[in-house]
């Protein structure tokens, strides 16, 4: 009998309050109860049933024919049913809600939130949920460099960047150098694969390749100049930190966009500024 998994067991005994199941008809030592209301009407001793094994409110092993929304080692998006003093409780399709300890949470949760979790067995041999998905994600994705992928941010690290579960299955990271806008745990993202590591993990970028992104970046720079009365109080020689803060792009990307605008005659570059040339209505 495996906790947290669906498995086929045999009915070895029927009682008033349910049926006892075991791995085979002669095994009367290692058995588990299936409550009466869940026994199919046509089943009798000797018949097999596919059930899920978990623990009831008194921490006893129990079987159910109901379909759980997640099984051991899997990842699923569940709704927060309640938040208590020791953690959150998630609706996973069974009578007893799934416990998500505070120490396994990567953001503050409220009732009704949807959260991406993995199912694991804790040190007390109980099924619990975790939002720390890194050990549960696969590294055999079918994606290649420059392909577009969709995923969910499950954790944000100041040191590394934003960790993403691509398709809720595959391990990926948006490195800090590719984070040009704020992302939070729980956010859905569409990104470009900028590298496939030797270990199979994906590096992602929220931006397109340079020759595609330059048009969008140029428009953003132009809009910023217009919103500031036709002038920026810094130019492409400004510090990378200032450019990232003000423009949400790297210094190289800003320089490419400014160079494009200069070549097209939209702007003039001063010693410490960028100014608009004429009345700009559109950009190629």
C-alpha atoms as a PDB file:
ATOM      1  CA  UNK A   1       0.000   0.000   0.000  1.00  0.00           C
ATOM      2  CA  UNK A   2       1.456   3.341  -1.064  1.00  0.00           C
ATOM      3  CA  UNK A   3       0.439   6.578   0.642  1.00  0.00           C
ATOM      4  CA  UNK A   4      -0.445   9.365  -1.778  1.00  0.00           C
ATOM      5  CA  UNK A   5      -0.887   7.131  -4.815  1.00  0.00           C
ATOM      6  CA  UNK A   6      -3.720   5.484  -6.706  1.00  0.00           C
ATOM      7  CA  UNK A   7      -3.530   1.692  -6.645  1.00  0.00           C
ATOM      8  CA  UNK A   8      -5.616  -1.446  -7.145  1.00  0.00           C
ATOM      9  CA  UNK A   9      -6.561  -3.278  -3.949  1.00  0.00           C
ATOM     10  CA  UNK A  10      -8.811  -6.250  -3.214  1.00  0.00           C
ATOM     11  CA  UNK A  11     -11.865  -6.262  -0.962  1.00  0.00           C
ATOM     12  CA  UNK A  12     -11.070  -8.776   1.821  1.00  0.00           C
ATOM     13  CA  UNK A  13     -13.912  -8.034   4.248  1.00  0.00           C
ATOM     14  CA  UNK A  14     -17.171  -6.087   4.295  1.00  0.00           C
ATOM     15  CA  UNK A  15     -18.447  -4.579   7.571  1.00  0.00           C
ATOM     16  CA  UNK A  16     -21.331  -2.285   8.528  1.00  0.00           C
ATOM     17  CA  UNK A  17     -19.251   0.890   8.120  1.00  0.00           C
ATOM     18  CA  UNK A  18     -17.315  -0.034   4.975  1.00  0.00           C
ATOM     19  CA  UNK A  19     -14.947  -2.529   3.411  1.00  0.00           C
ATOM     20  CA  UNK A  20     -11.395  -3.509   4.216  1.00  0.00           C
ATOM     21  CA  UNK A  21      -8.964  -3.605   1.315  1.00  0.00           C
ATOM     22  CA  UNK A  22      -5.561  -5.245   0.982  1.00  0.00           C
ATOM     23  CA  UNK A  23      -2.972  -6.018  -1.674  1.00  0.00           C
ATOM     24  CA  UNK A  24      -4.376  -9.561  -2.075  1.00  0.00           C
ATOM     25  CA  UNK A  25      -7.259 -11.650  -0.752  1.00  0.00           C
ATOM     26  CA  UNK A  26      -5.055 -13.537   1.752  1.00  0.00           C
ATOM     27  CA  UNK A  27      -3.411 -10.465   3.294  1.00  0.00           C
ATOM     28  CA  UNK A  28      -5.347  -9.636   6.455  1.00  0.00           C
ATOM     29  CA  UNK A  29      -2.510  -7.814   8.235  1.00  0.00           C
ATOM     30  CA  UNK A  30      -1.840  -4.822   5.978  1.00  0.00           C
ATOM     31  CA  UNK A  31      -5.349  -3.528   5.287  1.00  0.00           C
ATOM     32  CA  UNK A  32      -7.112  -0.176   4.891  1.00  0.00           C
ATOM     33  CA  UNK A  33     -10.731   0.922   5.278  1.00  0.00           C
ATOM     34  CA  UNK A  34     -12.891   2.167   2.415  1.00  0.00           C
ATOM     35  CA  UNK A  35     -15.938   3.994   3.901  1.00  0.00           C
ATOM     36  CA  UNK A  36     -19.312   2.427   3.160  1.00  0.00           C
ATOM     37  CA  UNK A  37     -20.639   5.355   1.114  1.00  0.00           C
ATOM     38  CA  UNK A  38     -17.785   4.908  -1.373  1.00  0.00           C
ATOM     39  CA  UNK A  39     -18.223   1.190  -2.047  1.00  0.00           C
ATOM     40  CA  UNK A  40     -19.723   0.619  -5.519  1.00  0.00           C
ATOM     41  CA  UNK A  41     -23.018  -1.289  -5.280  1.00  0.00           C
ATOM     42  CA  UNK A  42     -21.838  -4.182  -7.454  1.00  0.00           C
ATOM     43  CA  UNK A  43     -18.612  -4.883  -5.517  1.00  0.00           C
ATOM     44  CA  UNK A  44     -18.109  -7.827  -3.160  1.00  0.00           C
ATOM     45  CA  UNK A  45     -15.331  -9.689  -1.345  1.00  0.00           C
ATOM     46  CA  UNK A  46     -12.632 -10.735  -3.811  1.00  0.00           C
ATOM     47  CA  UNK A  47     -13.284  -7.867  -6.235  1.00  0.00           C
ATOM     48  CA  UNK A  48     -10.582  -5.285  -6.918  1.00  0.00           C
ATOM     49  CA  UNK A  49     -10.952  -1.503  -6.773  1.00  0.00           C
ATOM     50  CA  UNK A  50      -8.727   1.386  -7.774  1.00  0.00           C
ATOM     51  CA  UNK A  51      -8.411   3.667  -4.751  1.00  0.00           C
ATOM     52  CA  UNK A  52      -6.296   6.535  -3.456  1.00  0.00           C
ATOM     53  CA  UNK A  53      -4.648   6.176  -0.038  1.00  0.00           C
ATOM     54  CA  UNK A  54      -4.364   9.158   2.311  1.00  0.00           C
ATOM     55  CA  UNK A  55      -4.962   9.946   6.009  1.00  0.00           C
ATOM     56  CA  UNK A  56      -8.233  10.936   7.631  1.00  0.00           C
ATOM     57  CA  UNK A  57      -8.801  13.664  10.261  1.00  0.00           C
ATOM     58  CA  UNK A  58      -7.546  11.266  12.974  1.00  0.00           C
ATOM     59  CA  UNK A  59      -4.354  10.566  11.019  1.00  0.00           C
ATOM     60  CA  UNK A  60      -5.414   7.009  10.116  1.00  0.00           C
ATOM     61  CA  UNK A  61      -4.794   5.507   6.682  1.00  0.00           C
ATOM     62  CA  UNK A  62      -7.972   5.510   4.640  1.00  0.00           C
ATOM     63  CA  UNK A  63      -8.941   4.669   1.056  1.00  0.00           C
ATOM     64  CA  UNK A  64     -11.160   6.656  -1.277  1.00  0.00           C
ATOM     65  CA  UNK A  65     -12.584   6.064  -4.732  1.00  0.00           C
ATOM     66  CA  UNK A  66     -12.778   9.835  -5.259  1.00  0.00           C
ATOM     67  CA  UNK A  67     -10.279  11.342  -7.696  1.00  0.00           C
ATOM     68  CA  UNK A  68      -7.640  13.546  -6.004  1.00  0.00           C
ATOM     69  CA  UNK A  69      -6.527  16.639  -7.895  1.00  0.00           C
ATOM     70  CA  UNK A  70      -2.875  15.734  -7.266  1.00  0.00           C
ATOM     71  CA  UNK A  71      -0.945  12.570  -6.376  1.00  0.00           C
ATOM     72  CA  UNK A  72       2.456  12.029  -4.776  1.00  0.00           C
ATOM     73  CA  UNK A  73       5.264  13.850  -6.609  1.00  0.00           C
ATOM     74  CA  UNK A  74       2.887  15.590  -9.021  1.00  0.00           C
ATOM     75  CA  UNK A  75       2.299  19.320  -9.472  1.00  0.00           C
ATOM     76  CA  UNK A  76      -1.165  20.871  -9.611  1.00  0.00           C
ATOM     77  CA  UNK A  77      -2.924  24.203  -9.170  1.00  0.00           C
ATOM     78  CA  UNK A  78      -5.245  24.111  -6.159  1.00  0.00           C
ATOM     79  CA  UNK A  79      -7.520  26.610  -4.446  1.00  0.00           C
ATOM     80  CA  UNK A  80      -6.917  27.779  -0.875  1.00  0.00           C
ATOM     81  CA  UNK A  81      -9.920  26.656   1.177  1.00  0.00           C
ATOM     82  CA  UNK A  82      -8.762  28.170   4.473  1.00  0.00           C
ATOM     83  CA  UNK A  83      -5.774  29.841   6.133  1.00  0.00           C
ATOM     84  CA  UNK A  84      -5.103  28.881   9.746  1.00  0.00           C
ATOM     85  CA  UNK A  85      -2.537  29.472  12.475  1.00  0.00           C
ATOM     86  CA  UNK A  86      -0.119  26.823  11.230  1.00  0.00           C
ATOM     87  CA  UNK A  87      -0.589  27.081   7.470  1.00  0.00           C
ATOM     88  CA  UNK A  88      -3.093  26.923   4.641  1.00  0.00           C
ATOM     89  CA  UNK A  89      -5.534  24.194   3.676  1.00  0.00           C
ATOM     90  CA  UNK A  90      -6.154  23.387   0.020  1.00  0.00           C
ATOM     91  CA  UNK A  91      -9.102  21.866  -1.813  1.00  0.00           C
ATOM     92  CA  UNK A  92      -7.751  18.771  -3.540  1.00  0.00           C
ATOM     93  CA  UNK A  93     -11.039  17.029  -4.202  1.00  0.00           C
ATOM     94  CA  UNK A  94     -11.145  14.889  -1.040  1.00  0.00           C
ATOM     95  CA  UNK A  95     -13.111  15.179   2.212  1.00  0.00           C
ATOM     96  CA  UNK A  96     -10.086  16.276   4.236  1.00  0.00           C
ATOM     97  CA  UNK A  97      -8.311  19.376   2.859  1.00  0.00           C
ATOM     98  CA  UNK A  98      -4.593  19.209   2.026  1.00  0.00           C
ATOM     99  CA  UNK A  99      -2.241  20.931   4.476  1.00  0.00           C
ATOM    100  CA  UNK A 100       0.282  23.502   3.191  1.00  0.00           C
ATOM    101  CA  UNK A 101       2.648  24.492   6.056  1.00  0.00           C
ATOM    102  CA  UNK A 102       3.792  28.102   6.346  1.00  0.00           C
ATOM    103  CA  UNK A 103       7.414  26.988   5.897  1.00  0.00           C
ATOM    104  CA  UNK A 104       6.532  25.536   2.490  1.00  0.00           C
ATOM    105  CA  UNK A 105       4.913  28.754   1.219  1.00  0.00           C
ATOM    106  CA  UNK A 106       6.727  31.226  -1.040  1.00  0.00           C
ATOM    107  CA  UNK A 107       4.142  34.015  -0.721  1.00  0.00           C
ATOM    108  CA  UNK A 108       1.335  35.053   1.590  1.00  0.00           C
ATOM    109  CA  UNK A 109      -1.928  33.299   0.797  1.00  0.00           C
ATOM    110  CA  UNK A 110      -5.584  34.121   1.291  1.00  0.00           C
ATOM    111  CA  UNK A 111      -8.743  32.091   1.011  1.00  0.00           C
ATOM    112  CA  UNK A 112      -9.755  31.678  -2.639  1.00  0.00           C
ATOM    113  CA  UNK A 113      -6.206  32.087  -4.010  1.00  0.00           C
ATOM    114  CA  UNK A 114      -5.019  29.598  -6.625  1.00  0.00           C
ATOM    115  CA  UNK A 115      -1.600  28.168  -5.912  1.00  0.00           C
ATOM    116  CA  UNK A 116       0.788  25.831  -7.717  1.00  0.00           C
ATOM    117  CA  UNK A 117       1.954  23.026  -5.404  1.00  0.00           C
ATOM    118  CA  UNK A 118       3.616  19.621  -5.310  1.00  0.00           C
ATOM    119  CA  UNK A 119       2.495  16.768  -3.056  1.00  0.00           C
ATOM    120  CA  UNK A 120       5.064  15.175  -0.718  1.00  0.00           C
ATOM    121  CA  UNK A 121       5.277  13.058   2.471  1.00  0.00           C
ATOM    122  CA  UNK A 122       6.607  14.933   5.515  1.00  0.00           C
ATOM    123  CA  UNK A 123       8.760  13.582   8.365  1.00  0.00           C
ATOM    124  CA  UNK A 124       5.635  12.492  10.241  1.00  0.00           C
ATOM    125  CA  UNK A 125       4.560  10.354   7.266  1.00  0.00           C
ATOM    126  CA  UNK A 126       1.699  12.698   6.361  1.00  0.00           C
ATOM    127  CA  UNK A 127       0.777  14.061   2.945  1.00  0.00           C
ATOM    128  CA  UNK A 128       1.494  17.778   2.638  1.00  0.00           C
ATOM    129  CA  UNK A 129       1.767  20.413  -0.071  1.00  0.00           C
ATOM    130  CA  UNK A 130       4.748  22.603  -0.922  1.00  0.00           C
ATOM    131  CA  UNK A 131       5.084  25.684  -3.105  1.00  0.00           C
ATOM    132  CA  UNK A 132       8.832  25.058  -3.382  1.00  0.00           C
ATOM    133  CA  UNK A 133       8.629  23.172  -6.659  1.00  0.00           C
ATOM    134  CA  UNK A 134      12.297  23.045  -7.723  1.00  0.00           C
ATOM    135  CA  UNK A 135      12.923  19.364  -6.724  1.00  0.00           C
ATOM    136  CA  UNK A 136       9.714  18.200  -8.415  1.00  0.00           C
ATOM    137  CA  UNK A 137      10.160  19.761 -11.869  1.00  0.00           C
ATOM    138  CA  UNK A 138      11.465  17.808 -14.836  1.00  0.00           C
ATOM    139  CA  UNK A 139      14.511  18.686 -16.926  1.00  0.00           C
ATOM    140  CA  UNK A 140      13.585  16.849 -20.142  1.00  0.00           C
ATOM    141  CA  UNK A 141      11.521  19.562 -21.828  1.00  0.00           C
ATOM    142  CA  UNK A 142      10.975  19.411 -25.613  1.00  0.00           C
ATOM    143  CA  UNK A 143      11.755  23.118 -26.021  1.00  0.00           C
ATOM    144  CA  UNK A 144      14.695  24.650 -27.893  1.00  0.00           C
ATOM    145  CA  UNK A 145      16.417  28.007 -27.918  1.00  0.00           C
ATOM    146  CA  UNK A 146      14.236  30.945 -29.117  1.00  0.00           C
ATOM    147  CA  UNK A 147      10.971  29.020 -28.764  1.00  0.00           C
ATOM    148  CA  UNK A 148       8.130  30.641 -26.796  1.00  0.00           C
ATOM    149  CA  UNK A 149       6.894  28.957 -23.615  1.00  0.00           C
ATOM    150  CA  UNK A 150       4.231  29.625 -20.982  1.00  0.00           C
ATOM    151  CA  UNK A 151       4.660  29.040 -17.276  1.00  0.00           C
ATOM    152  CA  UNK A 152       4.012  30.109 -13.711  1.00  0.00           C
ATOM    153  CA  UNK A 153       6.491  31.902 -11.450  1.00  0.00           C
ATOM    154  CA  UNK A 154       6.663  29.866  -8.249  1.00  0.00           C
ATOM    155  CA  UNK A 155       9.529  31.582  -6.423  1.00  0.00           C
ATOM    156  CA  UNK A 156      11.593  34.768  -6.750  1.00  0.00           C
ATOM    157  CA  UNK A 157      15.203  34.921  -5.542  1.00  0.00           C
ATOM    158  CA  UNK A 158      17.210  38.134  -5.165  1.00  0.00           C
ATOM    159  CA  UNK A 159      20.342  36.140  -5.985  1.00  0.00           C
ATOM    160  CA  UNK A 160      19.187  34.155  -9.022  1.00  0.00           C
ATOM    161  CA  UNK A 161      15.977  35.589 -10.476  1.00  0.00           C
ATOM    162  CA  UNK A 162      12.480  34.187 -10.984  1.00  0.00           C
ATOM    163  CA  UNK A 163      11.961  30.415 -10.950  1.00  0.00           C
ATOM    164  CA  UNK A 164       9.297  29.246 -13.398  1.00  0.00           C
ATOM    165  CA  UNK A 165       7.358  26.013 -13.837  1.00  0.00           C
ATOM    166  CA  UNK A 166       6.959  25.780 -17.617  1.00  0.00           C
ATOM    167  CA  UNK A 167       3.721  23.971 -18.524  1.00  0.00           C
ATOM    168  CA  UNK A 168       3.601  23.153 -14.770  1.00  0.00           C
ATOM    169  CA  UNK A 169       6.121  20.415 -15.537  1.00  0.00           C
ATOM    170  CA  UNK A 170       9.555  21.718 -16.549  1.00  0.00           C
ATOM    171  CA  UNK A 171      12.241  23.576 -14.602  1.00  0.00           C
ATOM    172  CA  UNK A 172      13.153  27.085 -15.782  1.00  0.00           C
ATOM    173  CA  UNK A 173      14.694  30.327 -14.562  1.00  0.00           C
ATOM    174  CA  UNK A 174      14.403  33.951 -15.655  1.00  0.00           C
ATOM    175  CA  UNK A 175      17.865  35.213 -14.587  1.00  0.00           C
ATOM    176  CA  UNK A 176      18.088  38.614 -12.939  1.00  0.00           C
ATOM    177  CA  UNK A 177      19.684  40.077 -16.060  1.00  0.00           C
ATOM    178  CA  UNK A 178      16.502  39.207 -17.999  1.00  0.00           C
ATOM    179  CA  UNK A 179      14.099  40.664 -15.418  1.00  0.00           C
ATOM    180  CA  UNK A 180      13.163  44.138 -16.647  1.00  0.00           C
ATOM    181  CA  UNK A 181       9.857  44.356 -14.806  1.00  0.00           C
ATOM    182  CA  UNK A 182       8.649  43.116 -11.448  1.00  0.00           C
ATOM    183  CA  UNK A 183       7.356  39.566 -11.325  1.00  0.00           C
ATOM    184  CA  UNK A 184       5.942  37.805  -8.298  1.00  0.00           C
ATOM    185  CA  UNK A 185       5.306  34.242  -7.232  1.00  0.00           C
ATOM    186  CA  UNK A 186       2.014  33.178  -8.776  1.00  0.00           C
ATOM    187  CA  UNK A 187       2.368  35.308 -11.929  1.00  0.00           C
ATOM    188  CA  UNK A 188       1.759  33.692 -15.306  1.00  0.00           C
ATOM    189  CA  UNK A 189       4.413  34.522 -17.903  1.00  0.00           C
ATOM    190  CA  UNK A 190       5.057  33.973 -21.596  1.00  0.00           C
ATOM    191  CA  UNK A 191       8.769  33.970 -22.318  1.00  0.00           C
ATOM    192  CA  UNK A 192      11.440  33.105 -24.858  1.00  0.00           C
ATOM    193  CA  UNK A 193      13.908  30.270 -24.256  1.00  0.00           C
ATOM    194  CA  UNK A 194      17.311  31.949 -24.365  1.00  0.00           C
ATOM    195  CA  UNK A 195      19.336  28.912 -23.311  1.00  0.00           C
ATOM    196  CA  UNK A 196      18.932  25.189 -22.667  1.00  0.00           C
ATOM    197  CA  UNK A 197      21.460  24.163 -20.008  1.00  0.00           C
ATOM    198  CA  UNK A 198      23.463  20.938 -20.118  1.00  0.00           C
ATOM    199  CA  UNK A 199      21.328  19.570 -17.275  1.00  0.00           C
ATOM    200  CA  UNK A 200      18.151  20.289 -19.262  1.00  0.00           C
ATOM    201  CA  UNK A 201      16.945  23.288 -17.276  1.00  0.00           C
ATOM    202  CA  UNK A 202      15.736  26.290 -19.273  1.00  0.00           C
ATOM    203  CA  UNK A 203      16.878  29.905 -19.061  1.00  0.00           C
ATOM    204  CA  UNK A 204      14.117  32.285 -20.122  1.00  0.00           C
ATOM    205  CA  UNK A 205      13.816  35.909 -21.171  1.00  0.00           C
ATOM    206  CA  UNK A 206      10.758  38.117 -21.089  1.00  0.00           C
ATOM    207  CA  UNK A 207      12.137  39.948 -24.134  1.00  0.00           C
ATOM    208  CA  UNK A 208      12.478  39.048 -27.807  1.00  0.00           C
ATOM    209  CA  UNK A 209      15.744  38.606 -29.719  1.00  0.00           C
ATOM    210  CA  UNK A 210      17.600  41.889 -30.224  1.00  0.00           C
ATOM    211  CA  UNK A 211      16.630  42.483 -33.859  1.00  0.00           C
ATOM    212  CA  UNK A 212      12.938  42.002 -32.979  1.00  0.00           C
ATOM    213  CA  UNK A 213      13.009  43.779 -29.630  1.00  0.00           C
ATOM    214  CA  UNK A 214      14.699  46.923 -30.969  1.00  0.00           C
ATOM    215  CA  UNK A 215      11.481  48.183 -32.571  1.00  0.00           C
ATOM    216  CA  UNK A 216       9.497  47.806 -29.352  1.00  0.00           C
ATOM    217  CA  UNK A 217      12.310  49.324 -27.283  1.00  0.00           C
ATOM    218  CA  UNK A 218      12.528  52.300 -29.646  1.00  0.00           C
ATOM    219  CA  UNK A 219       8.810  52.926 -29.257  1.00  0.00           C
ATOM    220  CA  UNK A 220       9.122  52.763 -25.470  1.00  0.00           C
ATOM    221  CA  UNK A 221      12.016  55.241 -25.443  1.00  0.00           C
ATOM    222  CA  UNK A 222      10.121  57.592 -27.734  1.00  0.00           C
ATOM    223  CA  UNK A 223       7.000  57.390 -25.561  1.00  0.00           C
ATOM    224  CA  UNK A 224       9.071  58.174 -22.475  1.00  0.00           C
ATOM    225  CA  UNK A 225      10.615  61.224 -24.164  1.00  0.00           C
ATOM    226  CA  UNK A 226       7.183  62.484 -25.218  1.00  0.00           C
ATOM    227  CA  UNK A 227       5.738  61.946 -21.730  1.00  0.00           C
ATOM    228  CA  UNK A 228       8.609  64.009 -20.296  1.00  0.00           C
ATOM    229  CA  UNK A 229       7.865  67.030 -22.450  1.00  0.00           C
ATOM    230  CA  UNK A 230      10.165  66.049 -25.308  1.00  0.00           C
ATOM    231  CA  UNK A 231      13.330  65.531 -23.272  1.00  0.00           C
ATOM    232  CA  UNK A 232      15.059  62.934 -21.087  1.00  0.00           C
ATOM    233  CA  UNK A 233      17.537  64.145 -18.471  1.00  0.00           C
ATOM    234  CA  UNK A 234      19.973  61.318 -19.259  1.00  0.00           C
ATOM    235  CA  UNK A 235      21.396  59.691 -22.393  1.00  0.00           C
ATOM    236  CA  UNK A 236      22.900  56.367 -23.444  1.00  0.00           C
ATOM    237  CA  UNK A 237      26.044  57.063 -21.379  1.00  0.00           C
ATOM    238  CA  UNK A 238      24.065  56.890 -18.137  1.00  0.00           C
ATOM    239  CA  UNK A 239      24.733  54.114 -15.624  1.00  0.00           C
ATOM    240  CA  UNK A 240      23.166  50.677 -16.240  1.00  0.00           C
ATOM    241  CA  UNK A 241      21.349  50.997 -12.905  1.00  0.00           C
ATOM    242  CA  UNK A 242      19.695  54.301 -13.869  1.00  0.00           C
ATOM    243  CA  UNK A 243      18.664  52.984 -17.296  1.00  0.00           C
ATOM    244  CA  UNK A 244      17.184  49.817 -15.819  1.00  0.00           C
ATOM    245  CA  UNK A 245      15.295  51.811 -13.184  1.00  0.00           C
ATOM    246  CA  UNK A 246      13.885  54.375 -15.610  1.00  0.00           C
ATOM    247  CA  UNK A 247      13.437  52.282 -18.777  1.00  0.00           C
ATOM    248  CA  UNK A 248      13.171  48.635 -17.673  1.00  0.00           C
ATOM    249  CA  UNK A 249      15.876  47.589 -20.144  1.00  0.00           C
ATOM    250  CA  UNK A 250      19.593  46.926 -20.123  1.00  0.00           C
ATOM    251  CA  UNK A 251      22.120  49.566 -21.129  1.00  0.00           C
ATOM    252  CA  UNK A 252      22.903  47.728 -24.376  1.00  0.00           C
ATOM    253  CA  UNK A 253      19.220  47.538 -25.284  1.00  0.00           C
ATOM    254  CA  UNK A 254      18.778  51.228 -24.495  1.00  0.00           C
ATOM    255  CA  UNK A 255      21.801  52.127 -26.622  1.00  0.00           C
ATOM    256  CA  UNK A 256      20.447  50.114 -29.572  1.00  0.00           C
ATOM    257  CA  UNK A 257      17.048  51.803 -29.301  1.00  0.00           C
ATOM    258  CA  UNK A 258      18.581  55.268 -29.026  1.00  0.00           C
ATOM    259  CA  UNK A 259      20.849  54.536 -31.989  1.00  0.00           C
ATOM    260  CA  UNK A 260      17.833  53.471 -34.057  1.00  0.00           C
ATOM    261  CA  UNK A 261      15.917  56.639 -33.148  1.00  0.00           C
ATOM    262  CA  UNK A 262      18.967  58.802 -33.916  1.00  0.00           C
ATOM    263  CA  UNK A 263      19.461  57.150 -37.312  1.00  0.00           C
ATOM    264  CA  UNK A 264      15.793  57.720 -38.169  1.00  0.00           C
ATOM    265  CA  UNK A 265      16.079  61.393 -37.181  1.00  0.00           C
ATOM    266  CA  UNK A 266      13.627  61.275 -34.313  1.00  0.00           C
ATOM    267  CA  UNK A 267      15.980  62.469 -31.570  1.00  0.00           C
ATOM    268  CA  UNK A 268      19.077  64.529 -30.826  1.00  0.00           C
ATOM    269  CA  UNK A 269      21.574  63.494 -28.151  1.00  0.00           C
ATOM    270  CA  UNK A 270      22.959  66.163 -25.831  1.00  0.00           C
ATOM    271  CA  UNK A 271      25.785  65.972 -23.330  1.00  0.00           C
ATOM    272  CA  UNK A 272      23.453  64.709 -20.595  1.00  0.00           C
ATOM    273  CA  UNK A 273      20.096  64.436 -22.324  1.00  0.00           C
ATOM    274  CA  UNK A 274      18.034  63.153 -25.243  1.00  0.00           C
ATOM    275  CA  UNK A 275      15.637  65.523 -27.000  1.00  0.00           C
ATOM    276  CA  UNK A 276      12.845  65.066 -29.504  1.00  0.00           C
ATOM    277  CA  UNK A 277      13.308  66.376 -33.042  1.00  0.00           C
ATOM    278  CA  UNK A 278      10.063  67.816 -34.459  1.00  0.00           C
ATOM    279  CA  UNK A 279       6.564  66.411 -34.120  1.00  0.00           C
ATOM    280  CA  UNK A 280       6.829  62.611 -34.035  1.00  0.00           C
ATOM    281  CA  UNK A 281       3.636  60.690 -34.817  1.00  0.00           C
ATOM    282  CA  UNK A 282       4.889  57.200 -35.612  1.00  0.00           C
ATOM    283  CA  UNK A 283       8.026  55.112 -35.661  1.00  0.00           C
ATOM    284  CA  UNK A 284       9.175  52.511 -38.167  1.00  0.00           C
END
